[in-house]
Amino acid sequence: MALDARRIGVVTPFDASANQCVQAAFEANGFEVARVGGLACPDLDSIGRTPLDAIRRAFRETNGADVEALVQVGTGLPVVGLVDELERAFAKPVVACNAAMYWQALRAIGVDDRMAGRGRLLADL
């Protein structure tokens, strides 16, 4: 699976101010950000305790027909276990930042194992 998507939706655990920085970073790298769905977690500790239903809702609200892929930022947000479910629900790529970093680290050391059940990125590449 190559992520050729240029128009993305981004889910974050952050507030509006931080989300503006996230959007600017993606746009500076050539992506068009259709929308950013921020969970506005009040502190770092609460990010890891975000209820999975709230995360699912954020992805639903960030998704749209104009979005080619959904991307999550914020390493403490527990998304990797939901990626497969979200990709099936939305029929588009969902990239969780922790899965992307894991994928990149493995490839950097020559490991190309696939991992089922964690989305297309880890299953297909």
Protein backbone atom coordinates (compact mmCIF):
# COMPACT_ATOMS: atom_id res chain seq x y z
CA MET A 1 0.00 0.00 0.00
CA ALA A 2 1.48 3.28 -1.02
CA LEU A 3 -0.01 6.30 0.65
CA ASP A 4 -0.50 8.49 -2.36
CA ALA A 5 -3.22 10.50 -0.66
CA ARG A 6 -2.70 14.23 -0.67
CA ARG A 7 -5.97 15.35 0.97
CA ILE A 8 -6.07 14.12 4.55
CA GLY A 9 -8.02 14.37 7.74
CA VAL A 10 -5.95 14.55 10.92
CA VAL A 11 -6.97 13.37 14.39
CA THR A 12 -5.04 14.69 17.39
CA PRO A 13 -5.35 14.71 21.18
CA PHE A 14 -4.56 18.44 21.12
CA ASP A 15 -6.43 21.73 21.41
CA ALA A 16 -7.15 24.20 18.60
CA SER A 17 -3.87 26.09 19.03
CA ALA A 18 -1.72 22.96 18.73
CA ASN A 19 -3.92 21.68 15.91
CA GLN A 20 -3.04 24.78 13.89
CA CYS A 21 0.64 23.84 14.20
CA VAL A 22 -0.10 20.24 13.17
CA GLN A 23 -2.05 21.44 10.13
CA ALA A 24 0.71 23.86 9.14
CA ALA A 25 3.33 21.09 9.37
CA PHE A 26 1.35 18.77 7.09
CA GLU A 27 0.66 21.57 4.62
CA ALA A 28 4.35 22.54 4.60
CA ASN A 29 5.03 18.97 3.48
CA GLY A 30 2.62 19.07 0.56
CA PHE A 31 -0.57 17.70 2.09
CA GLU A 32 -3.94 19.39 1.89
CA VAL A 33 -5.65 19.11 5.26
CA ALA A 34 -9.40 18.84 4.84
CA ARG A 35 -10.02 19.04 8.57
CA VAL A 36 -8.39 18.46 11.93
CA GLY A 37 -10.28 16.67 14.68
CA GLY A 38 -8.79 17.52 18.03
CA LEU A 39 -9.82 15.78 21.23
CA ALA A 40 -8.57 18.70 23.38
CA CYS A 41 -7.22 16.43 26.10
CA PRO A 42 -6.51 18.61 29.16
CA ASP A 43 -3.07 17.16 29.94
CA LEU A 44 -0.55 14.56 28.80
CA ASP A 45 -1.73 11.93 31.26
CA SER A 46 -5.31 12.09 29.98
CA ILE A 47 -4.22 11.46 26.38
CA GLY A 48 -3.40 7.82 27.12
CA ARG A 49 -6.68 7.38 28.97
CA THR A 50 -8.86 8.73 26.17
CA PRO A 51 -11.86 6.42 25.81
CA LEU A 52 -11.80 4.41 22.59
CA ASP A 53 -15.34 5.57 21.76
CA ALA A 54 -14.14 9.19 21.88
CA ILE A 55 -11.32 8.29 19.49
CA ARG A 56 -13.73 6.54 17.13
CA ARG A 57 -16.02 9.59 17.23
CA ALA A 58 -13.10 11.92 16.42
CA PHE A 59 -12.24 9.81 13.37
CA ARG A 60 -15.89 9.79 12.22
CA GLU A 61 -16.09 13.57 12.58
CA THR A 62 -12.79 14.10 10.75
CA ASN A 63 -13.61 11.73 7.90
CA GLY A 64 -15.51 12.81 4.82
CA ALA A 65 -15.93 12.07 1.14
CA ASP A 66 -13.26 14.71 0.47
CA VAL A 67 -10.67 12.91 2.64
CA GLU A 68 -8.38 10.37 0.96
CA ALA A 69 -6.69 9.16 4.14
CA LEU A 70 -6.90 9.70 7.89
CA VAL A 71 -3.76 10.39 9.90
CA GLN A 72 -3.39 10.42 13.68
CA VAL A 73 -0.72 12.35 15.57
CA GLY A 74 0.07 12.36 19.28
CA THR A 75 1.99 9.27 20.39
CA GLY A 76 0.12 8.82 23.65
CA LEU A 77 -3.27 8.40 21.98
CA PRO A 78 -4.17 4.67 21.87
CA VAL A 79 -5.05 4.31 18.18
CA VAL A 80 -2.96 1.41 16.80
CA GLY A 81 -5.42 -1.19 18.08
CA LEU A 82 -8.27 0.57 16.26
CA VAL A 83 -6.64 1.07 12.86
CA ASP A 84 -7.91 -2.13 11.24
CA GLU A 85 -11.46 -1.43 12.43
CA LEU A 86 -11.31 2.20 11.24
CA GLU A 87 -9.94 1.26 7.82
CA ARG A 88 -12.77 -1.23 7.33
CA ALA A 89 -15.36 1.32 8.48
CA PHE A 90 -14.10 4.15 6.25
CA ALA A 91 -12.66 2.13 3.33
CA LYS A 92 -9.52 4.28 3.27
CA PRO A 93 -6.05 4.26 4.79
CA VAL A 94 -5.69 5.19 8.46
CA VAL A 95 -2.16 5.95 9.61
CA ALA A 96 -1.50 5.96 13.35
CA CYS A 97 1.73 7.75 14.23
CA ASN A 98 2.99 4.94 16.50
CA ALA A 99 2.42 2.33 13.78
CA ALA A 100 4.21 4.54 11.26
CA MET A 101 7.21 4.97 13.57
CA TYR A 102 7.28 1.23 14.26
CA TRP A 103 7.13 0.51 10.52
CA GLN A 104 9.92 2.99 9.80
CA ALA A 105 12.16 1.63 12.57
CA LEU A 106 11.74 -1.96 11.36
CA ARG A 107 12.45 -1.06 7.76
CA ALA A 108 15.52 0.96 8.81
CA ILE A 109 17.07 -2.18 10.32
CA GLY A 110 16.08 -4.40 7.41
CA VAL A 111 13.04 -6.11 8.94
CA ASP A 112 10.13 -6.34 6.51
CA ASP A 113 7.77 -8.54 8.51
CA ARG A 114 4.07 -7.93 8.10
CA MET A 115 1.67 -7.64 11.03
CA ALA A 116 -1.99 -8.48 10.53
CA GLY A 117 -4.77 -6.76 12.44
CA ARG A 118 -3.13 -3.35 12.78
CA GLY A 119 -4.07 -1.79 9.44
CA ARG A 120 -2.74 -1.78 5.90
CA LEU A 121 0.54 -0.06 6.69
CA LEU A 122 1.78 -2.88 8.91
CA ALA A 123 0.01 -5.65 6.99
CA ASP A 124 0.94 -4.83 3.40
CA LEU A 125 4.26 -3.04 3.30
